[in-house]
Amino acid sequence: MTVKSIFNLVIIFLFLAAVGLLFSSCLSMQKKPLASSSKEQPNIVFILADDLGYGDVGCYGQQWIKTPNIDQLAKDGMRFTDFYAGSTVCAPSRATLMTGQHTGHTYVRGNGEVPLPANDSILPQVLKQKGYTTGMVGKWGLGEKGTSGAPEKKGWDFFAGHLHHVEGHFQKPDSAWQIVNDESRKVKIPDGVYANEWFTKSGLDFINQNKNKPFFLYLAYTLPHAELIVPQKYLQQYLNADGSSKFSPETAQPGGLHYGAQPYPKAAYAAMVSQLDDYVGQINSLLEKLKLDENTIVIFTSDNGTHIEGGREITDATAFFQSSGPLRGIKRDLYEGGIRVPFIVKWKGSIAKNTTSSFIGAFWDLLPTLAEITNATAPNGDGMSFVNVLNSKQQATRSSALYWEFGEGGFKQAVRKDKWKAIRFYKDTKPVRTELYDLSNDIGERNNVAAQFPVIVRQMEQLMNNEHKSSAHPMFQIK
C-alpha cells in the first residue's frame, strides 16, 4: 500500500469518527425518556388546590386574580384544556386520584368521612414498590385515625395535615395531624400560623430531608376553599389605599356562621388564589435551588370546580371573576364547571415547554401514568396511561369514555365520549331525563340536543349503565 493510500484511509477514518461523535452528541441532547431507569427515578410533586375553578388562574383566562407562578408552570410545561377531576366534591375526587377508579367503581363516592378500604392499593403504595419515600401535607379526607384509610395504613411515610374534611374549612386551626410512631396523632399548630402556611413549611422540609432519594410529595392545600380568611400580605394587593375592596360593591359574610366573618369575600377569594400561587412558587424555587428540577415531575390541578361558600355569591363566581371560565356550573354540578379543572404538568427536559394538550383525561388516569413512568405495577382500574401524550408522541385521543356519578341533591350520572357529553338526572331512584351536549361547539352546555340525537342519547345511557356498579356502601347507593 502506498503512502498516499494510507493517508487517504486515515482521512476517511477521522471523518467517520467525527460523524459518529456528532451523532452521539445529538442523541444525548434529545429529551430523556419519560420512563426512567430505577437509578434515575423522577421525584413527583403533586399540588392539589381545593375548589379552584377552571378559569381562576391566568393561563386559563383569569383577568382579575394574579397567579404568576402557576402561569410560569404552564409556560415551562404542558397545559391541558380538557382534563377532569374525579368528582364534583373533594372526597370522591381524591379517592379516584388515589385508586385509579372512577366514581362508578371506587368505594368512596361522596363526602361523609368514609375511609378507603384496606384492600385498595393506592398511589403511594404503588410508588413505594419502586423505593419512593412518600409524603403528604394538607387535607386527606379518606380515613380518620384508627380506620382502614388512616394515612399510615395507606402507604404514607410522612403526613402533616387534616384527616376530617371539615377540619379543612378553617384557615387558622389550633391543631392538625401527623404520623408519629406509625400512627396518626394530633399536634399543635404554632399560634397565629395559617394552616396552609404550615403545610407549605412541612412540604419544604420534606423535600430538603429527602433530596437524595426519589420522593413523592402530595400537597393537598385547602385553598381557596372557604372559610375566606387570608393573611394580610396576600389580601393587600386587592385593597384600595383606604382599605376598601377593589372589587366593590362587596356583600359581607357576617359572624356567627359556620365559616368566619369576612367583610370582603371577593377580595379574600382572589387573595387566597394568590396565596396558593405563592406557595407553588416556593415549592418550585426550592426544587431549583436544590437542582432537583431537572428530574422532578410537578403536577398542578384542582379537586373540583369553584365554590360559593363562606360569603361568596354565585354572581361572584360566574359573572365577576368567571371562575368557571366559559364553562357552565360550579362545585356539586356535573356540568363542565363542576368537574373540568386546570391541569398542568412540568418535567424539565422531558415535557416540551409551553405546550397545550386537548387530551381528554381524568384523575383516574394518574395512577397508571405515574406507574408507567416509574416502572411500577398499577392495580387494575379505569384509567389509561397518557405518557405518550406527555412525550408528544401521540395524538390527544382516548378510546374509553369518562364517567361520573354523584348523589347530593338527587342522584345523577355523566359521561363524556369524544365530543359528546351526557348528564342523566334521577328522582326517587329512577332516571327522569338525560341532557346531551356537543362540546365541540357548545363548551358552555347551553344547547341541550338530546331530542335531535336520540341514538346518541341511548348510547350514552348504555355507557352509564355499563360503568355504574352498585356501591357496597349504603350512603352512595342510588336514592
Protein backbone atom coordinates (compact mmCIF):
# COMPACT_ATOMS: atom_id res chain seq x y z
CA MET A 1 0.00 0.00 0.00
CA THR A 2 1.35 3.40 -0.96
CA VAL A 3 1.85 6.30 1.44
CA LYS A 4 -0.91 8.16 -0.39
CA SER A 5 -3.36 5.26 0.14
CA ILE A 6 -2.53 5.10 3.85
CA PHE A 7 -3.02 8.86 4.11
CA ASN A 8 -6.43 8.60 2.41
CA LEU A 9 -7.51 5.81 4.79
CA VAL A 10 -6.53 7.90 7.80
CA ILE A 11 -8.55 10.84 6.48
CA ILE A 12 -11.60 8.59 5.95
CA PHE A 13 -11.24 7.10 9.44
CA LEU A 14 -11.02 10.53 11.06
CA PHE A 15 -14.08 11.72 9.10
CA LEU A 16 -16.16 8.70 10.16
CA ALA A 17 -15.07 9.13 13.77
CA ALA A 18 -16.13 12.78 13.71
CA VAL A 19 -19.55 11.87 12.23
CA GLY A 20 -20.05 9.21 14.90
CA LEU A 21 -19.13 11.64 17.65
CA LEU A 22 -21.55 14.24 16.29
CA PHE A 23 -24.36 11.66 16.02
CA SER A 24 -23.75 10.51 19.58
CA SER A 25 -23.81 14.10 20.80
CA CYS A 26 -27.12 14.76 19.04
CA LEU A 27 -28.68 11.71 20.64
CA SER A 28 -27.55 12.81 24.07
CA MET A 29 -29.24 16.19 23.57
CA GLN A 30 -32.63 14.63 22.91
CA LYS A 31 -35.34 14.67 25.59
CA LYS A 32 -34.84 11.94 28.16
CA PRO A 33 -37.44 9.17 28.06
CA LEU A 34 -40.41 9.52 30.39
CA ALA A 35 -39.90 6.04 31.80
CA SER A 36 -36.67 6.34 33.77
CA SER A 37 -34.32 3.65 34.96
CA SER A 38 -34.51 2.73 38.64
CA LYS A 39 -31.33 4.72 39.31
CA GLU A 40 -32.89 7.85 37.86
CA GLN A 41 -36.41 7.67 39.24
CA PRO A 42 -38.03 11.10 38.94
CA ASN A 43 -39.30 12.87 42.02
CA ILE A 44 -43.02 13.63 41.87
CA VAL A 45 -44.66 16.71 43.38
CA PHE A 46 -48.45 16.72 43.07
CA ILE A 47 -50.10 20.03 44.05
CA LEU A 48 -53.86 19.87 44.55
CA ALA A 49 -55.92 23.02 45.03
CA ASP A 50 -59.28 22.86 46.85
CA ASP A 51 -62.28 24.28 44.93
CA LEU A 52 -60.18 26.21 42.39
CA GLY A 53 -62.21 26.86 39.25
CA TYR A 54 -61.16 26.16 35.66
CA GLY A 55 -60.92 29.91 34.98
CA ASP A 56 -59.35 31.03 38.26
CA VAL A 57 -55.73 31.25 37.04
CA GLY A 58 -54.18 33.49 34.43
CA CYS A 59 -53.13 30.81 31.96
CA TYR A 60 -56.78 29.66 31.78
CA GLY A 61 -58.09 33.17 31.15
CA GLN A 62 -58.42 34.84 34.58
CA GLN A 63 -58.26 38.62 34.31
CA TRP A 64 -58.54 39.80 37.92
CA ILE A 65 -56.54 37.37 40.05
CA LYS A 66 -52.75 37.32 39.87
CA THR A 67 -51.16 33.86 39.50
CA PRO A 68 -47.64 34.39 38.08
CA ASN A 69 -46.12 31.18 39.46
CA ILE A 70 -48.86 28.88 38.19
CA ASP A 71 -48.74 30.68 34.83
CA GLN A 72 -44.97 30.13 34.72
CA LEU A 73 -45.51 26.45 35.45
CA ALA A 74 -47.67 26.27 32.32
CA LYS A 75 -45.01 28.10 30.29
CA ASP A 76 -42.41 25.59 31.48
CA GLY A 77 -44.58 22.55 30.80
CA MET A 78 -47.84 21.28 29.32
CA ARG A 79 -51.26 22.82 29.94
CA PHE A 80 -54.30 20.59 29.46
CA THR A 81 -57.59 22.06 28.26
CA ASP A 82 -59.87 19.01 28.67
CA PHE A 83 -58.79 17.40 31.94
CA TYR A 84 -61.28 16.42 34.61
CA ALA A 85 -61.37 15.94 38.36
CA GLY A 86 -62.60 12.67 39.78
CA SER A 87 -65.81 14.19 41.11
CA THR A 88 -67.51 17.46 41.87
CA VAL A 89 -66.69 17.44 45.62
CA CYS A 90 -63.49 16.66 47.45
CA ALA A 91 -63.55 13.16 48.99
CA PRO A 92 -64.62 11.13 45.92
CA SER A 93 -62.40 13.22 43.67
CA ARG A 94 -59.38 12.39 45.83
CA ALA A 95 -60.46 8.74 46.01
CA THR A 96 -60.37 8.44 42.20
CA LEU A 97 -56.92 10.04 42.16
CA MET A 98 -55.58 7.59 44.71
CA THR A 99 -57.27 4.39 43.46
CA GLY A 100 -57.35 4.85 39.69
CA GLN A 101 -61.08 4.04 39.73
CA HIS A 102 -63.92 6.36 38.68
CA THR A 103 -66.93 7.00 40.92
CA GLY A 104 -68.92 4.17 39.36
CA HIS A 105 -66.43 1.73 40.88
CA THR A 106 -64.47 3.35 43.70
CA TYR A 107 -65.64 2.75 47.27
CA VAL A 108 -65.72 6.44 48.26
CA ARG A 109 -68.29 8.20 46.04
CA GLY A 110 -69.22 11.22 48.13
CA ASN A 111 -68.33 13.27 51.19
CA GLY A 112 -69.02 11.83 54.61
CA GLU A 113 -65.74 10.55 56.12
CA VAL A 114 -65.97 7.08 54.61
CA PRO A 115 -62.48 5.54 54.77
CA LEU A 116 -60.69 3.81 51.95
CA PRO A 117 -60.93 0.04 52.46
CA ALA A 118 -57.90 -1.97 53.50
CA ASN A 119 -57.71 -3.88 50.22
CA ASP A 120 -57.42 -0.79 48.00
CA SER A 121 -53.84 -0.40 46.73
CA ILE A 122 -53.42 3.34 46.22
CA LEU A 123 -50.88 5.68 44.61
CA PRO A 124 -48.31 5.98 47.45
CA GLN A 125 -48.36 2.21 47.97
CA VAL A 126 -47.73 1.67 44.26
CA LEU A 127 -44.79 4.10 44.23
CA LYS A 128 -43.26 2.52 47.33
CA GLN A 129 -42.75 -0.62 45.20
CA LYS A 130 -40.02 1.33 43.42
CA GLY A 131 -38.32 2.74 46.52
CA TYR A 132 -40.14 6.08 46.80
CA THR A 133 -40.39 7.92 50.09
CA THR A 134 -43.94 9.23 50.27
CA GLY A 135 -45.13 12.41 51.96
CA MET A 136 -48.49 14.13 52.20
CA VAL A 137 -49.36 17.56 53.59
CA GLY A 138 -52.78 19.15 53.72
CA LYS A 139 -56.26 17.62 53.53
CA TRP A 140 -56.59 13.83 53.40
CA GLY A 141 -60.30 13.16 53.93
CA LEU A 142 -60.08 9.44 53.11
CA GLY A 143 -59.72 7.89 56.54
CA GLU A 144 -59.68 9.08 60.12
CA LYS A 145 -57.48 7.85 62.95
CA GLY A 146 -57.92 4.15 63.63
CA THR A 147 -59.72 3.38 60.34
CA SER A 148 -58.59 1.36 57.33
CA GLY A 149 -57.98 4.62 55.47
CA ALA A 150 -55.70 6.29 58.03
CA PRO A 151 -52.60 7.69 56.25
CA GLU A 152 -50.11 5.38 57.94
CA LYS A 153 -52.11 2.38 56.67
CA LYS A 154 -52.18 3.58 53.05
CA GLY A 155 -48.51 3.94 52.21
CA TRP A 156 -47.64 7.37 53.56
CA ASP A 157 -44.25 7.67 55.27
CA PHE A 158 -44.93 11.27 56.29
CA PHE A 159 -48.17 13.15 56.88
CA ALA A 160 -48.94 16.61 58.25
CA GLY A 161 -52.47 17.84 57.77
CA HIS A 162 -56.20 17.29 58.29
CA LEU A 163 -57.88 13.89 58.48
CA HIS A 164 -61.52 15.07 58.54
CA HIS A 165 -62.63 17.28 55.65
CA VAL A 166 -64.42 19.76 57.95
CA GLU A 167 -61.08 20.45 59.67
CA GLY A 168 -60.04 21.93 56.35
CA HIS A 169 -62.84 24.51 56.47
CA PHE A 170 -60.87 26.72 58.84
CA GLN A 171 -57.76 28.60 57.83
CA LYS A 172 -56.29 29.15 61.31
CA PRO A 173 -56.88 25.95 63.29
CA ASP A 174 -55.00 25.32 66.51
CA SER A 175 -54.06 21.75 65.60
CA ALA A 176 -53.65 19.19 62.84
CA TRP A 177 -52.40 15.61 62.50
CA GLN A 178 -49.05 13.95 61.90
CA ILE A 179 -47.81 10.39 61.67
CA VAL A 180 -45.88 9.80 64.88
CA ASN A 181 -44.51 6.34 65.66
CA ASP A 182 -46.62 4.81 62.90
CA GLU A 183 -49.94 6.28 63.96
CA SER A 184 -51.85 9.50 63.32
CA ARG A 185 -51.61 11.84 66.27
CA LYS A 186 -52.91 15.34 66.82
CA VAL A 187 -50.25 18.06 67.04
CA LYS A 188 -50.38 21.76 67.78
CA ILE A 189 -50.00 24.32 65.00
CA PRO A 190 -47.97 27.33 66.24
CA ASP A 191 -50.09 30.25 67.40
CA GLY A 192 -51.05 32.68 64.66
CA VAL A 193 -49.90 30.41 61.83
CA TYR A 194 -52.27 29.75 58.94
CA ALA A 195 -52.81 26.08 58.13
CA ASN A 196 -51.62 26.34 54.54
CA GLU A 197 -48.51 28.21 55.65
CA TRP A 198 -47.77 25.28 57.98
CA PHE A 199 -48.48 22.80 55.17
CA THR A 200 -46.02 24.57 52.89
CA LYS A 201 -43.28 24.61 55.51
CA SER A 202 -43.87 20.90 56.12
CA GLY A 203 -43.63 20.22 52.38
CA LEU A 204 -40.43 22.23 52.01
CA ASP A 205 -38.92 20.37 54.98
CA PHE A 206 -39.90 17.04 53.40
CA ILE A 207 -38.13 17.96 50.14
CA ASN A 208 -34.99 19.04 51.99
CA GLN A 209 -34.93 15.86 54.04
CA ASN A 210 -35.42 13.55 51.06
CA LYS A 211 -33.48 15.34 48.34
CA ASN A 212 -31.01 12.49 47.86
CA LYS A 213 -33.58 9.77 47.09
CA PRO A 214 -36.71 9.53 44.96
CA PHE A 215 -39.74 11.02 46.69
CA PHE A 216 -43.43 11.57 46.07
CA LEU A 217 -44.88 14.68 47.72
CA TYR A 218 -48.64 15.27 47.67
CA LEU A 219 -49.53 18.85 48.64
CA ALA A 220 -53.29 18.94 49.20
CA TYR A 221 -53.94 22.59 50.03
CA THR A 222 -57.24 23.88 51.45
CA LEU A 223 -57.13 26.92 49.16
CA PRO A 224 -59.26 28.67 48.00
CA HIS A 225 -61.88 26.67 49.92
CA ALA A 226 -63.92 28.64 52.44
CA GLU A 227 -63.54 29.96 55.08
CA LEU A 228 -62.41 33.12 53.32
CA ILE A 229 -59.71 34.08 55.81
CA VAL A 230 -56.32 35.04 54.36
CA PRO A 231 -53.03 36.63 55.51
CA GLN A 232 -53.00 40.40 55.07
CA LYS A 233 -49.92 40.29 52.83
CA TYR A 234 -51.95 38.47 50.15
CA LEU A 235 -55.13 40.48 50.69
CA GLN A 236 -53.39 43.89 50.46
CA GLN A 237 -52.95 43.79 46.69
CA TYR A 238 -56.74 43.59 46.28
CA LEU A 239 -57.49 46.53 48.59
CA ASN A 240 -57.57 50.24 47.85
CA ALA A 241 -55.39 52.73 49.73
CA ASP A 242 -58.25 53.36 52.18
CA GLY A 243 -58.53 49.65 52.95
CA SER A 244 -61.69 49.03 50.94
CA SER A 245 -62.02 46.26 48.39
CA LYS A 246 -61.01 46.90 44.78
CA PHE A 247 -63.95 44.71 43.83
CA SER A 248 -66.69 46.76 45.49
CA PRO A 249 -69.57 46.51 45.96
CA GLU A 250 -68.99 43.65 48.40
CA THR A 251 -71.58 41.78 50.47
CA ALA A 252 -70.04 40.94 53.83
CA GLN A 253 -70.14 37.46 55.36
CA PRO A 254 -71.48 38.03 58.92
CA GLY A 255 -70.07 36.44 62.03
CA GLY A 256 -71.69 33.61 63.95
CA LEU A 257 -71.97 31.21 61.00
CA HIS A 258 -70.05 28.02 60.21
CA TYR A 259 -67.40 29.98 58.31
CA GLY A 260 -65.76 33.06 59.81
CA ALA A 261 -66.79 36.63 59.13
CA GLN A 262 -65.35 38.31 56.05
CA PRO A 263 -66.18 41.92 55.02
CA TYR A 264 -64.73 41.48 51.51
CA PRO A 265 -65.48 37.98 50.15
CA LYS A 266 -64.45 38.80 46.57
CA ALA A 267 -61.12 40.32 47.59
CA ALA A 268 -60.48 37.49 50.05
CA TYR A 269 -61.15 34.79 47.44
CA ALA A 270 -58.76 36.46 44.99
CA ALA A 271 -56.15 36.74 47.75
CA MET A 272 -56.48 33.05 48.61
CA VAL A 273 -55.81 32.09 44.99
CA SER A 274 -52.74 34.35 45.02
CA GLN A 275 -51.71 32.79 48.36
CA LEU A 276 -51.86 29.37 46.72
CA ASP A 277 -49.84 30.72 43.80
CA ASP A 278 -47.13 31.96 46.16
CA TYR A 279 -46.84 28.53 47.75
CA VAL A 280 -46.48 26.94 44.30
CA GLY A 281 -43.63 29.39 43.68
CA GLN A 282 -41.94 28.49 46.97
CA ILE A 283 -42.02 24.78 46.15
CA ASN A 284 -40.68 25.34 42.65
CA SER A 285 -37.92 27.68 43.89
CA LEU A 286 -36.66 25.09 46.36
CA LEU A 287 -36.57 22.41 43.65
CA GLU A 288 -34.47 24.76 41.52
CA LYS A 289 -32.20 25.73 44.41
CA LEU A 290 -31.50 22.06 45.19
CA LYS A 291 -31.08 21.33 41.45
CA LEU A 292 -33.89 18.80 41.65
CA ASP A 293 -35.99 20.47 38.97
CA GLU A 294 -34.19 18.59 36.17
CA ASN A 295 -35.72 15.32 37.33
CA THR A 296 -38.89 16.27 39.18
CA ILE A 297 -42.39 15.99 37.77
CA VAL A 298 -44.56 18.84 39.05
CA ILE A 299 -48.32 18.46 38.61
CA PHE A 300 -50.82 21.18 39.45
CA THR A 301 -54.61 20.80 39.45
CA SER A 302 -57.81 21.23 41.50
CA ASP A 303 -60.14 18.69 43.11
CA ASN A 304 -63.34 20.14 41.57
CA GLY A 305 -64.92 23.37 40.38
CA THR A 306 -65.20 26.69 42.18
CA HIS A 307 -67.37 27.13 45.29
CA ILE A 308 -69.94 29.63 46.59
CA GLU A 309 -69.32 29.26 50.32
CA GLY A 310 -68.17 31.46 53.20
CA GLY A 311 -69.87 34.56 51.80
CA ARG A 312 -69.05 34.05 48.14
CA GLU A 313 -72.07 34.51 45.91
CA ILE A 314 -72.94 32.85 42.62
CA THR A 315 -72.53 36.14 40.76
CA ASP A 316 -69.01 36.49 42.24
CA ALA A 317 -68.08 33.11 40.79
CA THR A 318 -69.85 33.14 37.44
CA ALA A 319 -70.24 36.79 36.44
CA PHE A 320 -67.47 38.79 38.12
CA PHE A 321 -64.43 36.50 38.30
CA GLN A 322 -65.80 33.99 35.77
CA SER A 323 -64.13 31.31 37.87
CA SER A 324 -65.53 28.56 35.64
CA GLY A 325 -64.26 30.33 32.53
CA PRO A 326 -66.52 29.53 29.57
CA LEU A 327 -68.00 26.50 31.36
CA ARG A 328 -71.43 26.03 32.90
CA GLY A 329 -71.79 25.15 36.56
CA ILE A 330 -69.76 25.09 39.77
CA LYS A 331 -68.90 22.69 42.59
CA ARG A 332 -71.58 19.98 43.07
CA ASP A 333 -72.63 20.16 39.40
CA LEU A 334 -71.81 17.53 36.80
CA TYR A 335 -71.84 20.25 34.19
CA GLU A 336 -68.33 21.09 32.99
CA GLY A 337 -67.76 23.85 35.54
CA GLY A 338 -68.09 21.34 38.37
CA ILE A 339 -65.61 18.79 37.07
CA ARG A 340 -63.31 20.23 34.37
CA VAL A 341 -60.23 21.66 36.10
CA PRO A 342 -56.90 23.33 35.35
CA PHE A 343 -54.25 20.66 34.89
CA ILE A 344 -50.56 21.44 34.29
CA VAL A 345 -47.55 19.11 34.14
CA LYS A 346 -43.94 20.24 34.16
CA TRP A 347 -40.93 17.97 33.78
CA LYS A 348 -37.88 19.89 32.65
CA GLY A 349 -36.13 18.24 29.72
CA SER A 350 -38.84 15.61 29.27
CA ILE A 351 -42.00 17.58 28.51
CA ALA A 352 -41.81 20.29 25.87
CA LYS A 353 -42.17 23.81 27.21
CA ASN A 354 -45.25 25.96 26.69
CA THR A 355 -47.32 23.22 25.08
CA THR A 356 -51.06 22.67 25.18
CA SER A 357 -52.89 19.36 25.03
CA SER A 358 -56.56 18.64 24.34
CA PHE A 359 -56.23 15.09 25.63
CA ILE A 360 -59.48 14.11 27.38
CA GLY A 361 -58.19 12.82 30.71
CA ALA A 362 -59.27 12.45 34.33
CA PHE A 363 -57.86 11.85 37.79
CA TRP A 364 -58.09 8.08 37.48
CA ASP A 365 -55.54 8.25 34.65
CA LEU A 366 -52.81 9.45 37.03
CA LEU A 367 -52.16 6.11 38.73
CA PRO A 368 -51.39 4.16 35.52
CA THR A 369 -49.44 7.10 34.12
CA LEU A 370 -47.16 7.51 37.12
CA ALA A 371 -46.82 3.74 37.40
CA GLU A 372 -45.57 3.56 33.81
CA ILE A 373 -43.14 6.42 34.33
CA THR A 374 -41.67 4.79 37.43
CA ASN A 375 -41.87 1.19 36.13
CA ALA A 376 -44.22 0.28 38.99
CA THR A 377 -47.11 -2.17 38.73
CA ALA A 378 -50.50 -0.50 39.00
CA PRO A 379 -53.65 -2.33 40.13
CA ASN A 380 -56.40 -2.81 37.57
CA GLY A 381 -58.56 0.28 37.31
CA ASP A 382 -60.45 2.57 34.98
CA GLY A 383 -57.62 4.84 33.86
CA MET A 384 -55.22 4.84 30.94
CA SER A 385 -51.62 5.97 30.87
CA PHE A 386 -51.08 9.19 28.94
CA VAL A 387 -47.29 9.02 28.92
CA ASN A 388 -47.26 9.28 25.13
CA VAL A 389 -49.29 12.49 25.33
CA LEU A 390 -46.76 13.97 27.74
CA ASN A 391 -43.99 12.87 25.42
CA SER A 392 -45.76 14.43 22.41
CA LYS A 393 -45.65 11.08 20.61
CA GLN A 394 -49.39 10.54 20.33
CA GLN A 395 -52.48 12.45 19.34
CA ALA A 396 -54.59 13.53 22.29
CA THR A 397 -57.25 10.82 21.98
CA ARG A 398 -58.70 8.06 24.15
CA SER A 399 -60.87 5.10 23.30
CA SER A 400 -62.76 4.82 26.60
CA ALA A 401 -65.45 7.16 27.90
CA LEU A 402 -65.17 9.19 31.10
CA TYR A 403 -67.84 8.54 33.73
CA TRP A 404 -69.02 10.26 36.92
CA GLU A 405 -71.87 9.76 39.37
CA PHE A 406 -72.87 11.92 42.33
CA GLY A 407 -75.62 11.64 44.93
CA GLU A 408 -76.04 15.02 46.65
CA GLY A 409 -79.22 16.84 45.69
CA GLY A 410 -80.55 13.82 43.79
CA PHE A 411 -78.57 11.11 42.03
CA LYS A 412 -77.07 11.97 38.65
CA GLN A 413 -74.61 10.48 36.17
CA ALA A 414 -72.44 11.99 33.46
CA VAL A 415 -70.45 10.58 30.54
CA ARG A 416 -68.05 12.23 28.16
CA LYS A 417 -67.21 10.35 24.95
CA ASP A 418 -65.26 12.26 22.30
CA LYS A 419 -67.21 15.47 21.63
CA TRP A 420 -70.39 14.27 23.36
CA LYS A 421 -71.34 14.91 26.98
CA ALA A 422 -74.48 13.46 28.56
CA ILE A 423 -75.95 14.03 32.04
CA ARG A 424 -78.76 11.84 33.40
CA PHE A 425 -80.90 13.04 36.32
CA TYR A 426 -82.81 10.80 38.75
CA LYS A 427 -85.81 11.17 41.04
CA ASP A 428 -86.84 8.52 43.60
CA THR A 429 -84.17 6.09 42.28
CA LYS A 430 -85.48 6.36 38.69
CA PRO A 431 -83.96 8.29 35.76
CA VAL A 432 -86.21 11.15 34.65
CA ARG A 433 -84.26 12.89 31.89
CA THR A 434 -80.96 12.88 30.00
CA GLU A 435 -79.36 16.01 28.62
CA LEU A 436 -76.92 15.85 25.69
CA TYR A 437 -74.34 18.45 24.64
CA ASP A 438 -71.92 18.70 21.74
CA LEU A 439 -68.82 20.13 23.43
CA SER A 440 -67.07 20.74 20.12
CA ASN A 441 -69.31 23.76 19.51
CA ASP A 442 -71.05 24.22 22.87
CA ILE A 443 -68.43 24.15 25.62
CA GLY A 444 -70.81 26.11 27.83
CA GLU A 445 -73.50 23.37 27.65
CA ARG A 446 -76.20 25.86 26.68
CA ASN A 447 -77.92 23.86 23.95
CA ASN A 448 -79.39 20.51 25.01
CA VAL A 449 -79.56 18.48 21.78
CA ALA A 450 -80.98 15.26 23.26
CA ALA A 451 -84.15 15.48 21.16
CA GLN A 452 -82.13 15.81 17.94
CA PHE A 453 -79.83 12.85 18.60
CA PRO A 454 -81.87 10.08 20.27
CA VAL A 455 -79.48 7.35 19.12
CA ILE A 456 -76.51 9.13 20.74
CA VAL A 457 -78.56 9.56 23.92
CA ARG A 458 -79.29 5.81 24.06
CA GLN A 459 -75.62 5.03 23.51
CA MET A 460 -74.55 7.39 26.30
CA GLU A 461 -77.17 5.94 28.66
CA GLN A 462 -75.87 2.46 27.91
CA LEU A 463 -72.37 3.63 28.79
CA MET A 464 -73.75 4.90 32.11
CA ASN A 465 -75.38 1.54 32.76
CA ASN A 466 -72.16 -0.28 31.93
CA GLU A 467 -69.90 1.93 34.07
CA HIS A 468 -72.08 2.00 37.19
CA LYS A 469 -71.58 -0.77 39.72
CA SER A 470 -73.87 -0.62 42.73
CA SER A 471 -71.99 0.77 45.70
CA ALA A 472 -71.16 -1.50 48.61
CA HIS A 473 -71.77 1.45 50.95
CA PRO A 474 -75.41 2.43 51.60
CA MET A 475 -74.54 6.14 51.63
CA PHE A 476 -73.64 6.03 47.93
CA GLN A 477 -76.43 3.87 46.55
CA ILE A 478 -78.97 5.37 44.12
CA LYS A 479 -81.72 7.11 46.08
